[in-house]
Protein backbone atom coordinates (compact mmCIF):
# COMPACT_ATOMS: atom_id res chain seq x y z
CA MET A 1 60.43 13.20 18.39
CA GLN A 2 64.09 13.06 17.36
CA TYR A 3 63.69 11.83 13.77
CA ALA A 4 61.47 12.80 10.86
CA LEU A 5 61.05 12.09 7.17
CA ILE A 6 61.76 14.94 4.79
CA LYS A 7 60.89 15.09 1.11
CA VAL A 8 63.87 15.62 -1.22
CA LYS A 9 64.39 15.71 -4.98
CA ASN A 10 67.34 14.03 -6.62
CA ASN A 11 69.25 15.38 -9.67
CA SER A 12 66.75 13.81 -12.08
CA GLY A 13 63.81 15.46 -10.32
CA GLU A 14 62.45 12.32 -8.62
CA THR A 15 61.07 12.81 -5.10
CA SER A 16 61.85 10.52 -2.18
CA PHE A 17 61.66 10.64 1.60
CA ARG A 18 64.80 10.59 3.77
CA ILE A 19 65.09 10.04 7.51
CA ILE A 20 66.92 12.85 9.28
CA SER A 21 67.37 14.07 12.84
CA ALA A 22 66.15 17.43 14.09
CA VAL A 23 69.74 18.34 15.01
CA GLU A 24 70.97 17.53 11.50
CA ILE A 25 68.24 19.71 9.95
CA SER A 26 69.23 22.59 12.20
CA THR A 27 72.95 22.21 11.40
CA ILE A 28 72.37 21.88 7.67
CA ARG A 29 70.07 24.90 7.55
CA SER A 30 72.54 27.06 9.45
CA GLN A 31 75.80 25.75 7.93
CA LYS A 32 74.91 24.06 4.59
CA ASN A 33 78.27 23.65 2.80
CA LYS A 34 80.31 25.19 5.63
CA ILE A 35 80.02 22.26 8.02
CA LYS A 36 83.36 21.92 9.83
CA VAL A 37 84.81 18.38 9.85
CA VAL A 38 86.41 17.30 13.15
CA GLU A 39 88.72 14.32 12.69
CA LEU A 40 89.01 11.49 15.22
CA ASP A 41 92.23 11.30 17.23
CA GLU A 42 92.61 7.52 17.12
CA GLU A 43 95.52 7.59 19.59
CA LYS A 44 93.51 9.30 22.34
CA ALA A 45 89.82 8.49 21.76
CA PRO A 46 88.51 5.80 24.14
CA LEU A 47 86.50 2.70 23.26
CA LYS A 48 82.84 2.81 24.38
CA ILE A 49 80.12 0.17 24.31
CA CYS A 50 77.05 2.02 23.01
CA TYR A 51 73.42 0.86 22.80
CA GLY A 52 70.89 2.11 20.28
CA ALA A 53 69.04 1.29 17.07
CA PHE A 54 69.49 1.40 13.32
CA LEU A 55 66.73 3.32 11.53
CA PRO A 56 66.64 2.52 7.80
CA GLN A 57 65.50 4.77 4.98
CA PRO A 58 61.87 4.08 3.96
CA GLU A 59 62.85 2.11 0.82
CA THR A 60 65.35 -0.12 2.67
CA ASP A 61 64.19 -3.68 3.40
CA GLU A 62 65.22 -5.74 6.43
CA LYS A 63 67.85 -7.78 4.55
CA LYS A 64 69.57 -4.69 3.14
CA ALA A 65 69.44 -2.99 6.57
CA MET A 66 71.14 -5.97 8.23
CA GLU A 67 73.82 -5.98 5.50
CA TYR A 68 74.41 -2.26 6.03
CA ILE A 69 74.87 -2.80 9.78
CA SER A 70 77.36 -5.62 9.16
CA SER A 71 79.25 -3.52 6.62
CA ALA A 72 79.74 -0.72 9.17
CA LYS A 73 82.27 -2.79 11.15
CA GLY A 74 85.71 -1.25 11.02
CA TYR A 75 84.67 1.94 9.25
CA MET A 76 84.74 5.63 10.03
CA ALA A 77 81.38 7.18 10.76
CA CYS A 78 80.27 10.65 11.76
CA SER A 79 77.73 12.65 13.68
CA VAL A 80 76.52 16.07 12.54
CA TYR A 81 75.54 18.59 15.22
CA ASP A 82 76.50 21.98 16.66
CA GLY A 83 77.71 23.16 13.26
CA SER A 84 80.27 20.38 12.86
CA CYS A 85 80.72 16.86 11.53
CA TYR A 86 82.48 14.74 14.18
CA HIS A 87 84.26 11.55 13.07
CA LEU A 88 84.15 8.38 15.16
CA GLY A 89 85.11 4.78 14.57
CA ILE A 90 82.71 1.85 14.47
CA ILE A 91 85.15 -0.82 15.63
CA ASP A 92 82.55 -3.58 15.87
CA ILE A 93 78.76 -3.82 15.95
CA TYR A 94 76.21 -6.43 16.96
CA SER A 95 72.49 -6.48 16.17
CA ILE A 96 69.42 -8.55 16.87
CA GLY A 97 66.37 -8.98 14.66
CA PRO A 98 64.18 -6.07 13.59
CA ILE A 99 61.42 -4.59 15.73
CA LYS A 100 58.27 -3.87 13.70
CA ARG A 101 56.87 -0.35 14.13
CA GLY A 102 53.70 -0.06 12.09
CA MET A 103 54.74 0.21 8.43
CA THR A 104 58.46 0.38 9.26
CA PHE A 105 61.03 -1.24 11.54
CA THR A 106 64.13 -0.52 13.60
CA ILE A 107 67.01 -2.84 14.44
CA PRO A 108 68.49 -2.91 17.96
CA VAL A 109 72.28 -2.48 17.85
CA VAL A 110 75.17 -2.31 20.27
CA GLY A 111 78.49 -1.08 19.00
CA LEU A 112 82.05 -0.74 20.11
CA LEU A 113 82.72 2.87 19.17
CA GLN A 114 85.94 4.83 19.35
CA THR A 115 84.98 8.38 20.18
CA ASP A 116 85.44 11.37 22.46
CA LEU A 117 81.78 12.34 21.98
CA THR A 118 79.29 12.24 24.83
CA ILE A 119 76.65 9.56 24.29
CA PRO A 120 73.89 10.51 24.44
CA PRO A 121 74.54 14.24 23.91
CA THR A 122 71.47 15.02 26.04
CA LYS A 123 69.39 12.76 28.28
CA SER A 124 66.55 12.44 25.79
CA ARG A 125 68.29 12.75 22.41
CA PRO A 126 70.31 9.93 20.81
CA LEU A 127 73.61 10.60 19.09
CA THR A 128 72.86 10.21 15.37
CA VAL A 129 75.67 8.36 13.58
CA PHE A 130 76.09 7.29 9.95
CA LEU A 131 78.81 5.98 7.67
CA ARG A 132 80.54 8.88 5.96
CA TYR A 133 81.77 8.81 2.40
CA ALA A 134 85.01 10.83 2.41
CA ASN A 135 84.41 12.11 -1.12
CA LEU A 136 81.12 13.77 -0.09
CA ASN A 137 80.49 16.93 1.87
CA PRO A 138 78.54 16.03 5.06
CA TYR A 139 75.36 17.70 3.71
CA PRO A 140 74.77 15.40 0.70
CA ASN A 141 76.09 12.48 2.76
CA VAL A 142 73.15 12.92 5.17
CA LEU A 143 70.75 12.59 2.24
CA ALA A 144 72.60 9.73 0.48
CA ARG A 145 72.87 7.32 3.41
CA ASP A 146 70.96 4.02 3.70
CA GLY A 147 69.90 4.77 7.25
CA LEU A 148 71.26 5.98 10.55
CA PHE A 149 72.29 4.72 13.96
CA GLY A 150 70.81 6.39 17.02
CA PHE A 151 72.96 5.67 20.10
CA LEU A 152 71.22 6.45 23.39
CA ALA A 153 73.24 4.72 26.13
CA VAL A 154 76.80 3.76 27.09
CA GLU A 155 77.66 0.68 29.12
CA LYS A 156 78.89 1.95 32.49
CA ARG A 157 78.55 -1.25 34.50
CA LEU A 158 82.15 -2.31 33.94
CA THR A 159 84.47 -3.73 36.54
CA LYS A 160 87.34 -1.47 37.56
CA ASN A 161 90.04 -4.03 36.78
CA LYS A 162 88.78 -4.86 33.26
CA ILE A 163 89.49 -2.66 30.27
CA VAL A 164 87.19 -2.81 27.23
CA THR A 165 89.05 -4.09 24.17
CA LYS A 166 88.19 -5.24 20.65
CA ASP A 167 88.47 -8.82 21.87
CA ASN A 168 86.43 -8.73 25.09
CA TRP A 169 83.74 -6.06 24.57
CA CYS A 170 80.94 -8.56 23.87
CA GLU A 171 81.34 -9.94 27.42
CA PHE A 172 79.88 -6.67 28.74
CA VAL A 173 76.81 -6.51 26.46
CA ASP A 174 73.41 -6.75 28.17
CA ASP A 175 70.90 -8.10 25.61
CA SER A 176 67.85 -6.95 27.58
CA ARG A 177 69.30 -3.43 27.78
CA LEU A 178 69.95 -3.60 24.04
CA TYR A 179 66.25 -4.16 23.37
CA ARG A 180 65.03 -1.63 26.00
CA THR A 181 67.29 1.10 24.62
CA ALA A 182 66.40 0.42 20.99
CA ILE A 183 62.67 0.94 21.53
CA LYS A 184 63.41 4.40 22.96
CA VAL A 185 65.14 5.55 19.76
CA ARG A 186 62.49 7.32 17.68
């Protein structure tokens, strides 16, 4: 399992559960406040069509989760692993309705990301991505987020004479692959 719920206390002593990846736990435990931030080189980083799912925090309802996904368009996000916080751009994002999973749900997403990162980083582990608040160190940012994106596949079935752009990327999206990939993100 890639993701788990951890129990955390806020400044007023209230306890809540937060969704976090195993890789993030490892990085935070080993680096805590020394997590190196790696900025995105927007001139060189390619555009990639990436399939995955949005996993909300336990207290987040479906409406708020869908709003969060929509609000991610055009913003800088990050992924924490290997002792660093890597920035990437969420240029655009598309989602379909939630998939019920017992007491919770996930939302299939496909995004146009600008990144040099390998997606997925390993065959079985999604790249965990979340919106980053620039005024927060990556460690509290992991705990303050409304949920996370787990990207598990990149669209590679592109024609050689077509380049993916902000205007045409949706032409390459495979809705059945979107659903199949989302159910694998756990």
